[in-house]
């Protein structure tokens, strides 16, 4: 008796991935390296693809467990354009 074949899994290339996941290529690559995004694999020596089911599962997980927004940067720690005195009216000379 013949064994049942596993179902074929659909793969997607980068243009379709970009439509599904609006992140920069560098962000996706860094997240892959950290293990936070499904890994790409080579279909041929010059064709990189992702498993569609893994991408959809990753998106569903992100939707189920929202990530908190990053805190606003502390502008007092800026090197360029540092924040001046707390009361700006005293820092500026009065006209006239």
PDB file of N, CA and C in Angstrom:
ATOM      1  N   UNK A   1       0.842  -1.169   0.000  1.00  0.00           N
ATOM      2  CA  UNK A   1       0.000   0.000   0.000  1.00  0.00           C
ATOM      3  C   UNK A   1       0.893   1.239   0.000  1.00  0.00           C
ATOM      4  N   UNK A   2       0.539   2.235  -0.793  1.00  0.00           N
ATOM      5  CA  UNK A   2       1.344   3.447  -0.927  1.00  0.00           C
ATOM      6  C   UNK A   2       1.126   4.362   0.284  1.00  0.00           C
ATOM      7  N   UNK A   3       2.219   5.022   0.671  1.00  0.00           N
ATOM      8  CA  UNK A   3       2.123   5.951   1.790  1.00  0.00           C
ATOM      9  C   UNK A   3       1.540   7.271   1.299  1.00  0.00           C
ATOM     10  N   UNK A   4       0.793   7.913   2.167  1.00  0.00           N
ATOM     11  CA  UNK A   4       0.196   9.207   1.801  1.00  0.00           C
ATOM     12  C   UNK A   4       1.283  10.274   1.758  1.00  0.00           C
ATOM     13  N   UNK A   5       1.244  11.096   0.725  1.00  0.00           N
ATOM     14  CA  UNK A   5       2.201  12.183   0.582  1.00  0.00           C
ATOM     15  C   UNK A   5       1.811  13.312   1.531  1.00  0.00           C
ATOM     16  N   UNK A   6       2.815  13.951   2.155  1.00  0.00           N
ATOM     17  CA  UNK A   6       2.466  15.116   2.985  1.00  0.00           C
ATOM     18  C   UNK A   6       1.956  16.237   2.091  1.00  0.00           C
ATOM     19  N   UNK A   7       1.055  17.069   2.613  1.00  0.00           N
ATOM     20  CA  UNK A   7       0.513  18.146   1.763  1.00  0.00           C
ATOM     21  C   UNK A   7       1.617  19.121   1.374  1.00  0.00           C
ATOM     22  N   UNK A   8       1.515  19.629   0.154  1.00  0.00           N
ATOM     23  CA  UNK A   8       2.492  20.605  -0.308  1.00  0.00           C
ATOM     24  C   UNK A   8       2.282  21.915   0.423  1.00  0.00           C
ATOM     25  N   UNK A   9       3.365  22.509   0.848  1.00  0.00           N
ATOM     26  CA  UNK A   9       3.293  23.784   1.552  1.00  0.00           C
ATOM     27  C   UNK A   9       3.690  24.879   0.581  1.00  0.00           C
ATOM     28  N   UNK A  10       2.936  25.932   0.588  1.00  0.00           N
ATOM     29  CA  UNK A  10       3.191  27.038  -0.332  1.00  0.00           C
ATOM     30  C   UNK A  10       4.331  27.896   0.196  1.00  0.00           C
ATOM     31  N   UNK A  11       5.167  28.330  -0.711  1.00  0.00           N
ATOM     32  CA  UNK A  11       6.262  29.234  -0.366  1.00  0.00           C
ATOM     33  C   UNK A  11       6.025  30.574  -1.055  1.00  0.00           C
ATOM     34  N   UNK A  12       6.621  31.611  -0.482  1.00  0.00           N
ATOM     35  CA  UNK A  12       6.479  32.941  -1.060  1.00  0.00           C
ATOM     36  C   UNK A  12       7.859  33.571  -1.219  1.00  0.00           C
ATOM     37  N   UNK A  13       7.973  34.427  -2.229  1.00  0.00           N
ATOM     38  CA  UNK A  13       9.213  35.158  -2.459  1.00  0.00           C
ATOM     39  C   UNK A  13       9.108  36.533  -1.803  1.00  0.00           C
ATOM     40  N   UNK A  14      10.182  37.288  -1.859  1.00  0.00           N
ATOM     41  CA  UNK A  14      10.279  38.563  -1.160  1.00  0.00           C
ATOM     42  C   UNK A  14       9.178  39.567  -1.528  1.00  0.00           C
ATOM     43  N   UNK A  15       8.804  39.749  -2.809  1.00  0.00           N
ATOM     44  CA  UNK A  15       7.746  40.725  -3.103  1.00  0.00           C
ATOM     45  C   UNK A  15       6.427  40.419  -2.377  1.00  0.00           C
ATOM     46  N   UNK A  16       6.050  39.154  -2.310  1.00  0.00           N
ATOM     47  CA  UNK A  16       4.817  38.797  -1.613  1.00  0.00           C
ATOM     48  C   UNK A  16       4.987  38.939  -0.102  1.00  0.00           C
ATOM     49  N   UNK A  17       6.179  38.628   0.404  1.00  0.00           N
ATOM     50  CA  UNK A  17       6.452  38.806   1.832  1.00  0.00           C
ATOM     51  C   UNK A  17       6.329  40.272   2.216  1.00  0.00           C
ATOM     52  N   UNK A  18       6.843  41.168   1.375  1.00  0.00           N
ATOM     53  CA  UNK A  18       6.752  42.611   1.647  1.00  0.00           C
ATOM     54  C   UNK A  18       5.308  43.089   1.709  1.00  0.00           C
ATOM     55  N   UNK A  19       4.421  42.491   0.919  1.00  0.00           N
ATOM     56  CA  UNK A  19       3.013  42.864   0.966  1.00  0.00           C
ATOM     57  C   UNK A  19       2.362  42.405   2.269  1.00  0.00           C
ATOM     58  N   UNK A  20       2.811  41.291   2.797  1.00  0.00           N
ATOM     59  CA  UNK A  20       2.231  40.750   4.021  1.00  0.00           C
ATOM     60  C   UNK A  20       2.832  41.372   5.277  1.00  0.00           C
ATOM     61  N   UNK A  21       4.137  41.620   5.252  1.00  0.00           N
ATOM     62  CA  UNK A  21       4.865  42.118   6.425  1.00  0.00           C
ATOM     63  C   UNK A  21       5.539  43.429   6.045  1.00  0.00           C
ATOM     64  N   UNK A  22       4.992  44.555   6.459  1.00  0.00           N
ATOM     65  CA  UNK A  22       5.556  45.850   6.056  1.00  0.00           C
ATOM     66  C   UNK A  22       6.769  46.265   6.886  1.00  0.00           C
ATOM     67  N   UNK A  23       7.802  45.456   6.853  1.00  0.00           N
ATOM     68  CA  UNK A  23       9.058  45.759   7.539  1.00  0.00           C
ATOM     69  C   UNK A  23      10.163  45.888   6.511  1.00  0.00           C
ATOM     70  N   UNK A  24      11.199  46.620   6.848  1.00  0.00           N
ATOM     71  CA  UNK A  24      12.350  46.764   5.952  1.00  0.00           C
ATOM     72  C   UNK A  24      13.081  45.425   5.830  1.00  0.00           C
ATOM     73  N   UNK A  25      13.757  45.235   4.711  1.00  0.00           N
ATOM     74  CA  UNK A  25      14.524  44.004   4.498  1.00  0.00           C
ATOM     75  C   UNK A  25      15.547  43.794   5.602  1.00  0.00           C
ATOM     76  N   UNK A  26      16.202  44.875   6.017  1.00  0.00           N
ATOM     77  CA  UNK A  26      17.222  44.745   7.058  1.00  0.00           C
ATOM     78  C   UNK A  26      16.597  44.342   8.392  1.00  0.00           C
ATOM     79  N   UNK A  27      15.405  44.834   8.685  1.00  0.00           N
ATOM     80  CA  UNK A  27      14.720  44.466   9.931  1.00  0.00           C
ATOM     81  C   UNK A  27      14.339  42.996   9.911  1.00  0.00           C
ATOM     82  N   UNK A  28      13.815  42.531   8.787  1.00  0.00           N
ATOM     83  CA  UNK A  28      13.458  41.117   8.658  1.00  0.00           C
ATOM     84  C   UNK A  28      14.698  40.255   8.820  1.00  0.00           C
ATOM     85  N   UNK A  29      15.792  40.636   8.173  1.00  0.00           N
ATOM     86  CA  UNK A  29      17.027  39.855   8.260  1.00  0.00           C
ATOM     87  C   UNK A  29      17.533  39.798   9.705  1.00  0.00           C
ATOM     88  N   UNK A  30      17.535  40.945  10.400  1.00  0.00           N
ATOM     89  CA  UNK A  30      17.998  40.967  11.792  1.00  0.00           C
ATOM     90  C   UNK A  30      17.107  40.121  12.689  1.00  0.00           C
ATOM     91  N   UNK A  31      15.789  40.180  12.466  1.00  0.00           N
ATOM     92  CA  UNK A  31      14.874  39.379  13.269  1.00  0.00           C
ATOM     93  C   UNK A  31      15.076  37.890  12.999  1.00  0.00           C
ATOM     94  N   UNK A  32      15.373  37.527  11.753  1.00  0.00           N
ATOM     95  CA  UNK A  32      15.674  36.125  11.437  1.00  0.00           C
ATOM     96  C   UNK A  32      16.914  35.662  12.191  1.00  0.00           C
ATOM     97  N   UNK A  33      17.932  36.498  12.228  1.00  0.00           N
ATOM     98  CA  UNK A  33      19.183  36.140  12.903  1.00  0.00           C
ATOM     99  C   UNK A  33      18.971  35.943  14.405  1.00  0.00           C
ATOM    100  N   UNK A  34      18.045  36.723  14.993  1.00  0.00           N
ATOM    101  CA  UNK A  34      17.755  36.609  16.420  1.00  0.00           C
ATOM    102  C   UNK A  34      16.741  35.512  16.716  1.00  0.00           C
ATOM    103  N   UNK A  35      16.179  34.883  15.675  1.00  0.00           N
ATOM    104  CA  UNK A  35      15.181  33.835  15.873  1.00  0.00           C
ATOM    105  C   UNK A  35      13.790  34.379  16.156  1.00  0.00           C
ATOM    106  N   UNK A  36      13.514  35.631  15.787  1.00  0.00           N
ATOM    107  CA  UNK A  36      12.227  36.258  16.047  1.00  0.00           C
ATOM    108  C   UNK A  36      11.340  36.306  14.810  1.00  0.00           C
ATOM    109  N   UNK A  37      11.776  35.737  13.712  1.00  0.00           N
ATOM    110  CA  UNK A  37      11.023  35.749  12.463  1.00  0.00           C
ATOM    111  C   UNK A  37      11.313  34.445  11.746  1.00  0.00           C
ATOM    112  N   UNK A  38      10.342  33.882  11.020  1.00  0.00           N
ATOM    113  CA  UNK A  38      10.586  32.624  10.293  1.00  0.00           C
ATOM    114  C   UNK A  38      11.787  32.741   9.346  1.00  0.00           C
ATOM    115  N   UNK A  39      12.594  31.702   9.314  1.00  0.00           N
ATOM    116  CA  UNK A  39      13.813  31.719   8.507  1.00  0.00           C
ATOM    117  C   UNK A  39      13.495  31.478   7.031  1.00  0.00           C
ATOM    118  N   UNK A  40      14.207  32.184   6.193  1.00  0.00           N
ATOM    119  CA  UNK A  40      14.132  31.960   4.749  1.00  0.00           C
ATOM    120  C   UNK A  40      14.952  30.718   4.412  1.00  0.00           C
ATOM    121  N   UNK A  41      14.727  30.155   3.254  1.00  0.00           N
ATOM    122  CA  UNK A  41      15.564  29.051   2.799  1.00  0.00           C
ATOM    123  C   UNK A  41      15.727  29.141   1.290  1.00  0.00           C
ATOM    124  N   UNK A  42      16.772  28.501   0.800  1.00  0.00           N
ATOM    125  CA  UNK A  42      17.071  28.524  -0.629  1.00  0.00           C
ATOM    126  C   UNK A  42      16.282  27.435  -1.344  1.00  0.00           C
ATOM    127  N   UNK A  43      15.537  27.858  -2.336  1.00  0.00           N
ATOM    128  CA  UNK A  43      14.830  26.914  -3.193  1.00  0.00           C
ATOM    129  C   UNK A  43      15.777  26.446  -4.289  1.00  0.00           C
ATOM    130  N   UNK A  44      16.546  27.367  -4.814  1.00  0.00           N
ATOM    131  CA  UNK A  44      17.633  27.103  -5.756  1.00  0.00           C
ATOM    132  C   UNK A  44      18.806  27.968  -5.289  1.00  0.00           C
ATOM    133  N   UNK A  45      19.964  27.850  -5.905  1.00  0.00           N
ATOM    134  CA  UNK A  45      21.083  28.691  -5.455  1.00  0.00           C
ATOM    135  C   UNK A  45      20.814  30.193  -5.521  1.00  0.00           C
ATOM    136  N   UNK A  46      19.848  30.629  -6.324  1.00  0.00           N
ATOM    137  CA  UNK A  46      19.592  32.063  -6.460  1.00  0.00           C
ATOM    138  C   UNK A  46      18.154  32.454  -6.110  1.00  0.00           C
ATOM    139  N   UNK A  47      17.377  31.563  -5.523  1.00  0.00           N
ATOM    140  CA  UNK A  47      15.969  31.844  -5.206  1.00  0.00           C
ATOM    141  C   UNK A  47      15.721  31.599  -3.720  1.00  0.00           C
ATOM    142  N   UNK A  48      15.416  32.685  -3.009  1.00  0.00           N
ATOM    143  CA  UNK A  48      15.147  32.623  -1.575  1.00  0.00           C
ATOM    144  C   UNK A  48      13.646  32.704  -1.354  1.00  0.00           C
ATOM    145  N   UNK A  49      13.110  31.838  -0.498  1.00  0.00           N
ATOM    146  CA  UNK A  49      11.671  31.819  -0.221  1.00  0.00           C
ATOM    147  C   UNK A  49      11.427  31.633   1.273  1.00  0.00           C
ATOM    148  N   UNK A  50      10.181  31.941   1.681  1.00  0.00           N
ATOM    149  CA  UNK A  50       9.721  31.708   3.039  1.00  0.00           C
ATOM    150  C   UNK A  50       8.517  30.785   2.976  1.00  0.00           C
ATOM    151  N   UNK A  51       8.295  30.022   4.017  1.00  0.00           N
ATOM    152  CA  UNK A  51       7.133  29.146   4.119  1.00  0.00           C
ATOM    153  C   UNK A  51       5.929  30.019   4.494  1.00  0.00           C
ATOM    154  N   UNK A  52       4.900  30.019   3.661  1.00  0.00           N
ATOM    155  CA  UNK A  52       3.730  30.861   3.881  1.00  0.00           C
ATOM    156  C   UNK A  52       3.046  30.527   5.198  1.00  0.00           C
ATOM    157  N   UNK A  53       2.930  29.257   5.538  1.00  0.00           N
ATOM    158  CA  UNK A  53       2.268  28.866   6.786  1.00  0.00           C
ATOM    159  C   UNK A  53       3.016  29.420   7.997  1.00  0.00           C
ATOM    160  N   UNK A  54       4.356  29.440   7.948  1.00  0.00           N
ATOM    161  CA  UNK A  54       5.138  29.984   9.056  1.00  0.00           C
ATOM    162  C   UNK A  54       4.936  31.495   9.179  1.00  0.00           C
ATOM    163  N   UNK A  55       4.868  32.192   8.053  1.00  0.00           N
ATOM    164  CA  UNK A  55       4.647  33.644   8.070  1.00  0.00           C
ATOM    165  C   UNK A  55       3.261  33.953   8.629  1.00  0.00           C
ATOM    166  N   UNK A  56       2.251  33.217   8.192  1.00  0.00           N
ATOM    167  CA  UNK A  56       0.898  33.442   8.689  1.00  0.00           C
ATOM    168  C   UNK A  56       0.799  33.143  10.177  1.00  0.00           C
ATOM    169  N   UNK A  57       1.476  32.088  10.644  1.00  0.00           N
ATOM    170  CA  UNK A  57       1.481  31.767  12.074  1.00  0.00           C
ATOM    171  C   UNK A  57       2.177  32.867  12.870  1.00  0.00           C
ATOM    172  N   UNK A  58       3.269  33.417  12.327  1.00  0.00           N
ATOM    173  CA  UNK A  58       3.996  34.494  12.997  1.00  0.00           C
ATOM    174  C   UNK A  58       3.099  35.738  13.114  1.00  0.00           C
ATOM    175  N   UNK A  59       2.389  36.069  12.032  1.00  0.00           N
ATOM    176  CA  UNK A  59       1.484  37.214  12.057  1.00  0.00           C
ATOM    177  C   UNK A  59       0.346  36.994  13.061  1.00  0.00           C
ATOM    178  N   UNK A  60      -0.206  35.792  13.116  1.00  0.00           N
ATOM    179  CA  UNK A  60      -1.280  35.495  14.064  1.00  0.00           C
ATOM    180  C   UNK A  60      -0.777  35.625  15.499  1.00  0.00           C
ATOM    181  N   UNK A  61       0.445  35.185  15.754  1.00  0.00           N
ATOM    182  CA  UNK A  61       1.032  35.310  17.084  1.00  0.00           C
ATOM    183  C   UNK A  61       1.230  36.772  17.458  1.00  0.00           C
ATOM    184  N   UNK A  62       1.693  37.578  16.513  1.00  0.00           N
ATOM    185  CA  UNK A  62       1.883  39.005  16.763  1.00  0.00           C
ATOM    186  C   UNK A  62       0.545  39.680  17.059  1.00  0.00           C
ATOM    187  N   UNK A  63      -0.495  39.268  16.375  1.00  0.00           N
ATOM    188  CA  UNK A  63      -1.806  39.858  16.615  1.00  0.00           C
ATOM    189  C   UNK A  63      -2.350  39.430  17.978  1.00  0.00           C
ATOM    190  N   UNK A  64      -2.117  38.180  18.372  1.00  0.00           N
ATOM    191  CA  UNK A  64      -2.622  37.668  19.645  1.00  0.00           C
ATOM    192  C   UNK A  64      -1.869  38.259  20.834  1.00  0.00           C
ATOM    193  N   UNK A  65      -0.580  38.536  20.682  1.00  0.00           N
ATOM    194  CA  UNK A  65       0.235  39.080  21.758  1.00  0.00           C
ATOM    195  C   UNK A  65       0.840  40.400  21.307  1.00  0.00           C
ATOM    196  N   UNK A  66       0.080  41.476  21.405  1.00  0.00           N
ATOM    197  CA  UNK A  66       0.591  42.761  20.929  1.00  0.00           C
ATOM    198  C   UNK A  66       1.847  43.185  21.679  1.00  0.00           C
ATOM    199  N   UNK A  67       2.691  43.908  21.009  1.00  0.00           N
ATOM    200  CA  UNK A  67       3.936  44.398  21.580  1.00  0.00           C
ATOM    201  C   UNK A  67       3.712  45.842  22.000  1.00  0.00           C
ATOM    202  N   UNK A  68       4.210  46.187  23.182  1.00  0.00           N
ATOM    203  CA  UNK A  68       4.059  47.569  23.640  1.00  0.00           C
ATOM    204  C   UNK A  68       4.926  48.498  22.814  1.00  0.00           C
ATOM    205  N   UNK A  69       4.456  49.703  22.660  1.00  0.00           N
ATOM    206  CA  UNK A  69       5.175  50.733  21.913  1.00  0.00           C
ATOM    207  C   UNK A  69       6.452  51.098  22.646  1.00  0.00           C
ATOM    208  N   UNK A  70       7.489  51.405  21.899  1.00  0.00           N
ATOM    209  CA  UNK A  70       8.764  51.820  22.490  1.00  0.00           C
ATOM    210  C   UNK A  70       8.596  53.180  23.155  1.00  0.00           C
ATOM    211  N   UNK A  71       9.296  53.400  24.271  1.00  0.00           N
ATOM    212  CA  UNK A  71       9.178  54.708  24.923  1.00  0.00           C
ATOM    213  C   UNK A  71       9.803  55.799  24.061  1.00  0.00           C
ATOM    214  N   UNK A  72       9.330  57.007  24.272  1.00  0.00           N
ATOM    215  CA  UNK A  72       9.875  58.144  23.530  1.00  0.00           C
ATOM    216  C   UNK A  72      11.318  58.380  23.951  1.00  0.00           C
ATOM    217  N   UNK A  73      12.171  58.825  23.039  1.00  0.00           N
ATOM    218  CA  UNK A  73      13.569  59.049  23.402  1.00  0.00           C
ATOM    219  C   UNK A  73      13.711  60.218  24.374  1.00  0.00           C
ATOM    220  N   UNK A  74      14.738  60.160  25.201  1.00  0.00           N
ATOM    221  CA  UNK A  74      15.025  61.231  26.147  1.00  0.00           C
ATOM    222  C   UNK A  74      15.811  62.306  25.401  1.00  0.00           C
ATOM    223  N   UNK A  75      15.152  63.420  25.086  1.00  0.00           N
ATOM    224  CA  UNK A  75      15.789  64.457  24.280  1.00  0.00           C
ATOM    225  C   UNK A  75      16.916  65.157  25.025  1.00  0.00           C
ATOM    226  N   UNK A  76      16.967  65.014  26.335  1.00  0.00           N
ATOM    227  CA  UNK A  76      18.045  65.651  27.098  1.00  0.00           C
ATOM    228  C   UNK A  76      19.380  64.962  26.876  1.00  0.00           C
ATOM    229  N   UNK A  77      19.360  63.753  26.326  1.00  0.00           N
ATOM    230  CA  UNK A  77      20.594  63.003  26.091  1.00  0.00           C
ATOM    231  C   UNK A  77      21.134  63.201  24.677  1.00  0.00           C
ATOM    232  N   UNK A  78      20.473  64.043  23.887  1.00  0.00           N
ATOM    233  CA  UNK A  78      20.924  64.274  22.512  1.00  0.00           C
ATOM    234  C   UNK A  78      22.286  64.952  22.501  1.00  0.00           C
ATOM    235  N   UNK A  79      23.107  64.592  21.544  1.00  0.00           N
ATOM    236  CA  UNK A  79      24.399  65.244  21.355  1.00  0.00           C
ATOM    237  C   UNK A  79      24.221  66.466  20.467  1.00  0.00           C
ATOM    238  N   UNK A  80      23.477  66.298  19.382  1.00  0.00           N
ATOM    239  CA  UNK A  80      23.208  67.436  18.505  1.00  0.00           C
ATOM    240  C   UNK A  80      21.908  68.087  18.943  1.00  0.00           C
ATOM    241  N   UNK A  81      21.806  69.388  18.777  1.00  0.00           N
ATOM    242  CA  UNK A  81      20.640  70.159  19.173  1.00  0.00           C
ATOM    243  C   UNK A  81      20.201  69.859  20.604  1.00  0.00           C
ATOM    244  N   UNK A  82      21.081  70.072  21.591  1.00  0.00           N
ATOM    245  CA  UNK A  82      20.707  69.772  22.975  1.00  0.00           C
ATOM    246  C   UNK A  82      19.576  70.689  23.452  1.00  0.00           C
ATOM    247  N   UNK A  83      18.838  70.206  24.418  1.00  0.00           N
ATOM    248  CA  UNK A  83      17.738  70.968  24.982  1.00  0.00           C
ATOM    249  C   UNK A  83      18.324  72.060  25.866  1.00  0.00           C
ATOM    250  N   UNK A  84      17.793  73.252  25.718  1.00  0.00           N
ATOM    251  CA  UNK A  84      18.285  74.389  26.509  1.00  0.00           C
ATOM    252  C   UNK A  84      17.612  74.407  27.870  1.00  0.00           C
ATOM    253  N   UNK A  85      17.689  75.524  28.531  1.00  0.00           N
ATOM    254  CA  UNK A  85      17.132  75.681  29.872  1.00  0.00           C
ATOM    255  C   UNK A  85      15.650  75.321  29.887  1.00  0.00           C
ATOM    256  N   UNK A  86      15.162  74.949  31.049  1.00  0.00           N
ATOM    257  CA  UNK A  86      13.769  74.519  31.177  1.00  0.00           C
ATOM    258  C   UNK A  86      12.810  75.645  30.816  1.00  0.00           C
ATOM    259  N   UNK A  87      13.100  76.868  31.242  1.00  0.00           N
ATOM    260  CA  UNK A  87      12.248  77.998  30.918  1.00  0.00           C
ATOM    261  C   UNK A  87      12.876  78.731  29.741  1.00  0.00           C
ATOM    262  N   UNK A  88      12.325  78.570  28.586  1.00  0.00           N
ATOM    263  CA  UNK A  88      12.921  79.145  27.374  1.00  0.00           C
ATOM    264  C   UNK A  88      12.774  80.662  27.325  1.00  0.00           C
ATOM    265  N   UNK A  89      11.807  81.213  28.052  1.00  0.00           N
ATOM    266  CA  UNK A  89      11.622  82.666  28.009  1.00  0.00           C
ATOM    267  C   UNK A  89      12.816  83.373  28.659  1.00  0.00           C
ATOM    268  N   UNK A  90      13.444  82.748  29.646  1.00  0.00           N
ATOM    269  CA  UNK A  90      14.626  83.344  30.291  1.00  0.00           C
ATOM    270  C   UNK A  90      15.861  83.167  29.421  1.00  0.00           C
ATOM    271  N   UNK A  91      15.888  82.139  28.633  1.00  0.00           N
ATOM    272  CA  UNK A  91      17.081  81.854  27.835  1.00  0.00           C
ATOM    273  C   UNK A  91      17.215  82.824  26.667  1.00  0.00           C
ATOM    274  N   UNK A  92      16.094  83.363  26.154  1.00  0.00           N
ATOM    275  CA  UNK A  92      16.138  84.264  25.012  1.00  0.00           C
ATOM    276  C   UNK A  92      16.179  85.725  25.492  1.00  0.00           C
ATOM    277  N   UNK A  93      16.972  86.523  24.805  1.00  0.00           N
ATOM    278  CA  UNK A  93      16.945  87.948  25.165  1.00  0.00           C
ATOM    279  C   UNK A  93      15.637  88.570  24.703  1.00  0.00           C
ATOM    280  N   UNK A  94      15.131  89.510  25.456  1.00  0.00           N
ATOM    281  CA  UNK A  94      13.869  90.148  25.096  1.00  0.00           C
ATOM    282  C   UNK A  94      14.116  91.180  24.006  1.00  0.00           C
ATOM    283  N   UNK A  95      13.194  91.301  23.047  1.00  0.00           N
ATOM    284  CA  UNK A  95      13.381  92.261  21.964  1.00  0.00           C
ATOM    285  C   UNK A  95      13.216  93.698  22.480  1.00  0.00           C
ATOM    286  N   UNK A  96      14.005  94.595  21.908  1.00  0.00           N
ATOM    287  CA  UNK A  96      13.823  95.999  22.174  1.00  0.00           C
ATOM    288  C   UNK A  96      14.707  96.538  23.166  1.00  0.00           C
TER     289      UNK A  96
END
